[in-house]
C-alpha atoms as a PDB file:
ATOM      1  CA  MET A   1       0.000   0.000   0.000  1.00  0.00           C
ATOM      2  CA  VAL A   2       1.057   3.612  -0.449  1.00  0.00           C
ATOM      3  CA  GLU A   3       2.394   4.393   3.039  1.00  0.00           C
ATOM      4  CA  GLN A   4       4.883   7.072   2.079  1.00  0.00           C
ATOM      5  CA  SER A   5       4.434  10.251   0.098  1.00  0.00           C
ATOM      6  CA  LEU A   6       5.242   9.930  -3.562  1.00  0.00           C
ATOM      7  CA  PRO A   7       7.035  12.590  -5.580  1.00  0.00           C
ATOM      8  CA  ASP A   8       4.890  13.997  -8.382  1.00  0.00           C
ATOM      9  CA  ALA A   9       6.832  12.207 -11.139  1.00  0.00           C
ATOM     10  CA  GLU A  10       6.424   8.809  -9.445  1.00  0.00           C
ATOM     11  CA  LEU A  11       2.743   9.481  -8.883  1.00  0.00           C
ATOM     12  CA  ASP A  12       2.303  10.390 -12.570  1.00  0.00           C
ATOM     13  CA  VAL A  13       3.851   7.081 -13.634  1.00  0.00           C
ATOM     14  CA  LEU A  14       1.789   5.097 -11.144  1.00  0.00           C
ATOM     15  CA  SER A  15      -1.392   6.925 -12.185  1.00  0.00           C
ATOM     16  CA  CYS A  16      -0.681   6.051 -15.802  1.00  0.00           C
ATOM     17  CA  LEU A  17      -0.449   2.360 -14.863  1.00  0.00           C
ATOM     18  CA  TRP A  18      -3.747   2.618 -12.977  1.00  0.00           C
ATOM     19  CA  GLU A  19      -5.487   4.317 -15.903  1.00  0.00           C
ATOM     20  CA  ARG A  20      -4.071   2.282 -18.767  1.00  0.00           C
ATOM     21  CA  GLY A  21      -3.009  -0.993 -17.231  1.00  0.00           C
ATOM     22  CA  PRO A  22       0.332  -2.715 -17.832  1.00  0.00           C
ATOM     23  CA  GLN A  23       2.792  -0.668 -19.904  1.00  0.00           C
ATOM     24  CA  THR A  24       6.336  -0.826 -21.218  1.00  0.00           C
ATOM     25  CA  VAL A  25       8.719   2.062 -20.608  1.00  0.00           C
ATOM     26  CA  ARG A  26       8.224   3.215 -24.202  1.00  0.00           C
ATOM     27  CA  GLU A  27       4.444   3.165 -23.813  1.00  0.00           C
ATOM     28  CA  LEU A  28       4.657   5.097 -20.546  1.00  0.00           C
ATOM     29  CA  ARG A  29       6.948   7.660 -22.153  1.00  0.00           C
ATOM     30  CA  ASN A  30       4.496   8.198 -25.023  1.00  0.00           C
ATOM     31  CA  VAL A  31       1.498   8.529 -22.699  1.00  0.00           C
ATOM     32  CA  LEU A  32       3.285  10.924 -20.340  1.00  0.00           C
ATOM     33  CA  ALA A  33       4.902  13.004 -23.110  1.00  0.00           C
ATOM     34  CA  ASP A  34       2.291  15.791 -23.088  1.00  0.00           C
ATOM     35  CA  ARG A  35       2.102  16.386 -19.342  1.00  0.00           C
ATOM     36  CA  ARG A  36       5.565  15.250 -18.230  1.00  0.00           C
ATOM     37  CA  PRO A  37       8.131  14.747 -20.998  1.00  0.00           C
ATOM     38  CA  LEU A  38      10.781  12.396 -19.641  1.00  0.00           C
ATOM     39  CA  ALA A  39      13.765  10.583 -21.088  1.00  0.00           C
ATOM     40  CA  HIS A  40      13.637   6.806 -21.323  1.00  0.00           C
ATOM     41  CA  ALA A  41      16.268   6.514 -18.573  1.00  0.00           C
ATOM     42  CA  SER A  42      14.265   8.817 -16.277  1.00  0.00           C
ATOM     43  CA  ILE A  43      11.182   6.643 -16.581  1.00  0.00           C
ATOM     44  CA  CYS A  44      13.322   3.570 -15.870  1.00  0.00           C
ATOM     45  CA  THR A  45      14.626   5.285 -12.732  1.00  0.00           C
ATOM     46  CA  LEU A  46      11.098   6.184 -11.574  1.00  0.00           C
ATOM     47  CA  LEU A  47       9.891   2.639 -12.204  1.00  0.00           C
ATOM     48  CA  GLY A  48      12.875   1.267 -10.283  1.00  0.00           C
ATOM     49  CA  ARG A  49      11.984   3.460  -7.309  1.00  0.00           C
ATOM     50  CA  LEU A  50       8.330   2.432  -7.474  1.00  0.00           C
ATOM     51  CA  GLU A  51       9.374  -1.216  -7.716  1.00  0.00           C
ATOM     52  CA  SER A  52      11.643  -0.889  -4.661  1.00  0.00           C
ATOM     53  CA  LYS A  53       8.691   0.614  -2.765  1.00  0.00           C
ATOM     54  CA  GLY A  54       6.571  -2.389  -3.742  1.00  0.00           C
ATOM     55  CA  LEU A  55       4.170  -0.287  -5.812  1.00  0.00           C
ATOM     56  CA  VAL A  56       4.925  -1.770  -9.228  1.00  0.00           C
ATOM     57  CA  ARG A  57       6.178  -5.092 -10.497  1.00  0.00           C
ATOM     58  CA  ARG A  58       7.671  -6.016 -13.822  1.00  0.00           C
ATOM     59  CA  GLU A  59       7.629  -9.035 -16.051  1.00  0.00           C
ATOM     60  CA  LYS A  60       9.304  -9.877 -19.315  1.00  0.00           C
ATOM     61  CA  ALA A  61       7.227  -8.983 -22.368  1.00  0.00           C
ATOM     62  CA  THR A  62       6.132 -11.868 -24.563  1.00  0.00           C
ATOM     63  CA  THR A  63       8.270 -10.546 -27.433  1.00  0.00           C
ATOM     64  CA  GLY A  64      11.483  -8.521 -27.524  1.00  0.00           C
ATOM     65  CA  LYS A  65      13.648  -7.400 -24.636  1.00  0.00           C
ATOM     66  CA  ALA A  66      11.218  -5.020 -22.962  1.00  0.00           C
ATOM     67  CA  PHE A  67       9.652  -5.395 -19.553  1.00  0.00           C
ATOM     68  CA  VAL A  68       5.984  -4.743 -18.889  1.00  0.00           C
ATOM     69  CA  TYR A  69       5.232  -2.865 -15.664  1.00  0.00           C
ATOM     70  CA  HIS A  70       2.107  -3.443 -13.580  1.00  0.00           C
ATOM     71  CA  SER A  71       0.753  -1.604 -10.562  1.00  0.00           C
ATOM     72  CA  SER A  72       1.062  -3.753  -7.431  1.00  0.00           C
ATOM     73  CA  VAL A  73      -1.555  -1.795  -5.495  1.00  0.00           C
ATOM     74  CA  PRO A  74      -5.213  -1.291  -6.370  1.00  0.00           C
ATOM     75  CA  ALA A  75      -5.857   2.281  -7.554  1.00  0.00           C
ATOM     76  CA  GLY A  76      -8.811   2.848  -5.219  1.00  0.00           C
ATOM     77  CA  LYS A  77      -6.951   1.805  -2.093  1.00  0.00           C
ATOM     78  CA  ALA A  78      -3.855   3.832  -2.959  1.00  0.00           C
ATOM     79  CA  LYS A  79      -5.858   6.922  -3.933  1.00  0.00           C
ATOM     80  CA  ARG A  80      -7.765   6.774  -0.650  1.00  0.00           C
ATOM     81  CA  ARG A  81      -4.490   6.568   1.277  1.00  0.00           C
ATOM     82  CA  LEU A  82      -2.996   9.504  -0.633  1.00  0.00           C
ATOM     83  CA  ALA A  83      -6.174  11.553  -0.114  1.00  0.00           C
ATOM     84  CA  HIS A  84      -6.155  10.781   3.634  1.00  0.00           C
ATOM     85  CA  ASP A  85      -2.502  11.830   3.835  1.00  0.00           C
ATOM     86  CA  LEU A  86      -3.299  15.123   2.087  1.00  0.00           C
ATOM     87  CA  LEU A  87      -6.328  15.673   4.306  1.00  0.00           C
ATOM     88  CA  ASP A  88      -4.326  15.106   7.484  1.00  0.00           C
ATOM     89  CA  ARG A  89      -1.121  16.930   6.510  1.00  0.00           C
ATOM     90  CA  VAL A  90      -2.560  19.971   4.769  1.00  0.00           C
ATOM     91  CA  PHE A  91      -6.063  20.405   6.194  1.00  0.00           C
ATOM     92  CA  GLY A  92      -5.651  19.036   9.704  1.00  0.00           C
ATOM     93  CA  GLY A  93      -8.231  16.325   8.997  1.00  0.00           C
ATOM     94  CA  ASN A  94     -10.975  18.818   8.057  1.00  0.00           C
ATOM     95  CA  GLY A  95     -12.722  17.401   4.985  1.00  0.00           C
ATOM     96  CA  ALA A  96     -14.947  20.454   4.534  1.00  0.00           C
ATOM     97  CA  GLN A  97     -11.849  22.665   4.207  1.00  0.00           C
ATOM     98  CA  LEU A  98     -10.372  20.274   1.667  1.00  0.00           C
ATOM     99  CA  MET A  99     -13.542  20.358  -0.435  1.00  0.00           C
ATOM    100  CA  ALA A 100     -13.809  24.163  -0.197  1.00  0.00           C
ATOM    101  CA  SER A 101     -10.203  24.457  -1.341  1.00  0.00           C
ATOM    102  CA  LEU A 102     -10.835  22.152  -4.292  1.00  0.00           C
ATOM    103  CA  PHE A 103     -13.866  24.105  -5.410  1.00  0.00           C
ATOM    104  CA  GLU A 104     -12.128  27.476  -5.112  1.00  0.00           C
ATOM    105  CA  GLY A 105      -9.718  26.342  -7.804  1.00  0.00           C
ATOM    106  CA  ARG A 106     -12.231  24.615 -10.071  1.00  0.00           C
ATOM    107  CA  ARG A 107     -15.979  24.756  -9.790  1.00  0.00           C
ATOM    108  CA  PRO A 108     -17.693  21.346  -9.929  1.00  0.00           C
ATOM    109  CA  SER A 109     -19.981  20.519 -12.832  1.00  0.00           C
ATOM    110  CA  ARG A 110     -23.708  20.008 -12.236  1.00  0.00           C
ATOM    111  CA  GLU A 111     -23.142  16.262 -12.565  1.00  0.00           C
ATOM    112  CA  GLU A 112     -20.412  16.373  -9.911  1.00  0.00           C
ATOM    113  CA  ILE A 113     -22.663  18.418  -7.618  1.00  0.00           C
ATOM    114  CA  GLY A 114     -25.323  15.731  -8.000  1.00  0.00           C
ATOM    115  CA  GLN A 115     -22.795  13.030  -7.144  1.00  0.00           C
ATOM    116  CA  LEU A 116     -21.678  14.997  -4.080  1.00  0.00           C
ATOM    117  CA  GLU A 117     -25.279  15.494  -2.952  1.00  0.00           C
ATOM    118  CA  SER A 118     -25.902  11.745  -3.256  1.00  0.00           C
ATOM    119  CA  LEU A 119     -22.761  11.007  -1.278  1.00  0.00           C
ATOM    120  CA  LEU A 120     -23.776  13.460   1.454  1.00  0.00           C
ATOM    121  CA  GLU A 121     -27.217  11.859   1.710  1.00  0.00           C
ATOM    122  CA  GLU A 122     -25.596   8.426   2.071  1.00  0.00           C
ATOM    123  CA  LEU A 123     -23.277   9.753   4.768  1.00  0.00           C
ATOM    124  CA  LYS A 124     -26.147  11.397   6.651  1.00  0.00           C
ATOM    125  CA  ALA A 125     -27.973   8.056   6.723  1.00  0.00           C
ATOM    126  CA  ASP A 126     -24.889   6.072   7.787  1.00  0.00           C
ATOM    127  CA  PRO A 127     -25.162   5.203  11.500  1.00  0.00           C
ATOM    128  CA  SER A 128     -21.399   4.699  11.749  1.00  0.00           C
ATOM    129  CA  VAL A 129     -20.715   8.404  11.107  1.00  0.00           C
ATOM    130  CA  THR A 130     -20.353  10.270  14.401  1.00  0.00           C
ATOM    131  CA  LYS A 131     -20.477  13.961  15.286  1.00  0.00           C
ATOM    132  CA  GLY A 132     -16.688  14.247  15.492  1.00  0.00           C
ATOM    133  CA  GLY A 133     -16.241  12.967  11.955  1.00  0.00           C
ATOM    134  CA  LYS A 134     -14.781   9.670  13.108  1.00  0.00           C
ATOM    135  CA  HIS A 135     -16.289   6.364  12.101  1.00  0.00           C
ATOM    136  CA  ARG A 136     -17.435   3.780  14.567  1.00  0.00           C
ATOM    137  CA  LYS A 137     -15.789   0.390  14.612  1.00  0.00           C
ATOM    138  CA  GLY A 138     -16.070  -1.460  11.313  1.00  0.00           C
ATOM    139  CA  LYS A 139     -15.684   1.590   9.078  1.00  0.00           C
ATOM    140  CA  SER A 140     -12.491   3.208   7.833  1.00  0.00           C
END
């Protein structure tokens, strides 16, 4: 699981594996070229770091000399951990402040507002949610 903070470049590579599935270094380089142009060796270095952290694994491609890299952690679980880290470190655990900050930078669409309203209704009905924002036993 993602226990430590990840530098932006490592997170970009990992996010690409979550979004697109297994990739070779060349494929990752092509996908990342627009938002983070990196040399082949740089991507290899980032993948090596992610592999040493247990976040990616590699296997030999079926043809050629390339390796195919896979995420070792489920995207949902890792994203939740990263979001919790951000919430705790930057916003002191205050989710309302986090959301306000997000929406100051980019207003949500009507569809997103509807999704948020549905989520809030679910949370209001959830008996495990307490006044202090903590969950009762059995919830995380």
